[in-house]
Amino acid sequence: MSPKKLNLKDKYKLLTRDLDWEFSYEDRKEAFPYEEFEGIKITDWDKWEDPFRLTMESYWKYQAEKEKKLYAIYDAFAQNNGQTNVTDARYVNAIKLFLTGVSPGEHAAHLGFAFTGRQMGGIGARVAAQMQSIDELRHIQTQIHAMSHYNKFFDGFDEFNHMHDRLWYLSVPKSFFEDARTAGPFEFMIAIGFSFEYVLTNLLFVPFMSGAAYNGDMATVTFGFSAQSDEARHMTLGLEIIKFLLEQHEDNLPIVQKWLDKWLWRGYRLLTLVAMMMDYMLPQKVMSWQEAWELYFEDAAGALFKDLERYGIKMPDYTDTIKQEKEHLSHQAWWIFYQYTHAAAFHTWTPTAEEMDWLSEKYPDTFDKYYRPRWELAAEMEAKGERFYTTGLPQLCQTCQIPMAFTEMSDPTQVSYRESIYNDERFHFCSDPCKSIFDNEPEKYVNAWLPVHQILQGNCGGGGLDKVMEYYHLDDGVANLEFEGSPDAERWKEWKGVA
């Protein structure tokens, strides 16, 4: 007699919840040593909900189907010389930034969810974290494969993994994920699963994927679409962890709120790279950073936090600061890279007259007043053969590790500067939120690997810019410096028959 076929409900339970086991000869607390040290109280793991009801059997089937379609499009893109169909060779620098600044974060998230899935006592949460860990590994693989085609024709792609560990500006995303991964499992879930995946992910992937579509980069668009079903699960996991923790015990509320305050700001500072990409790096622009922030955070996340008010959650601290900065962030970030692009793995340029008019339209209260004069002066200097590069090293924020070039919102002509004294040592910050985050956990940040400090100590190849460039694996005049006159620009002109 053949065995009775299981219905979907029983099959799901057998392949997920029934994978757990009872501890008969070992202490459960020793098996999950990180579950209590953050102060979180779990009363009943069975209350965890699995919105997608996905088993591993179904997971592998769905992912295999997506892989077939994805790589078929990659092959077509390569066979049709897709690199010649982008709007402008300047655009390629945006995906150089993605590969070096975003893709390694996928791998860090993979490691973080693998750790988290092992350390949470509930089997439902462990299975969900395991699937997300595998997703993140798949994402970096598909991104590398998509952009490997561009590596055949453009500079700045080949050393992305080496650069991630060494280049000064890549310490910003690296420190973000290392901060999250050195937290406990529940803080990691709030940091990455909720604050980033649920609240801020649209501000990362939608601009990059929409920008790719607007600029003829179908390889990047395709890996974005392929990841979207994964991202839908990630967002539900992020929302579930919030709901679950807040319903488990009232003592969890202040801990969760503190994490939300911290990680909204940390994630926002990381998105500085996206802000300048949207406003300055895309030849065909989708929308401004200010418009994106208003749409995806102020409107969408605003409604989300209103729903969470019933649990006692309030809108995270520092959102008023972000609201003020949204008219300045991208301009100040691009200026940082414009003057330090001799030590970067992508090119920068002065915005064209048409692009400055677009920026004036999108930022009518700030661009013409504060930033157009700067870019017009930079263009004049470049026309005279005096393209501006800063020769000194910037002071870095101890928390977010971005050069301290952001300004006071009460007076955008003055650099924002904060400091704290800890163990008789002075630490510097770009903002009140970064200072506050440091002051709450100083031991976590006092030993941060700050690139400028390491350069000055001779730990980045030795003394002199030439040694630092060797340490970075940057060939001067190839992947760095001004776009005009670069090998990428000259190659593009040759392809397009431009004199």
Foldseek 3Di string as FASTA:
>chain_A
DDDDDDDLVVVLCVQFQVVDDDDDPDDVCVQQVLAPPLPFDFDDLVVQDQVVSDGPVVLVVVLVVLVVVLVVVLVVCLVVVLVLQFQALLLVLLLLCCLQQPLVLLQLLLVLLCVLLSNDPRRSSNVLSNSSSVLSVVLSVLSLSLCVSVVVPAFLNPCSVLLCVAFQVSLLSVVLSVLLSPDGSLLVLLQPLALPLAQPVCLPLVQVLVLCVQGSSVSSVSSSVSSVVVSVSSNVSSVSSVVNSLVRDVVSVVSSLVSNQQNNVSNVLSCLSVQLCQLFRRPRHDAHQLVVCCVRHVPVVVVVQVVVVVSVHHDHPPVVVVNLCSLPSNLQVLVVCQQAQLRPQAAGAQDDPVSLVVNCVRRVPPCVPPPPVVSVVQVVCVVVVNRHHDPDDAAAALQSLDGQRAADSVDRVHTAWDWDADPNDIGIHRDPSSVVVCVVPVVVRPPRDRNVVCQVVQNQQGDDPVRNCVSSVHDGQERTYHPVPHPSNVSSCVVVVHD
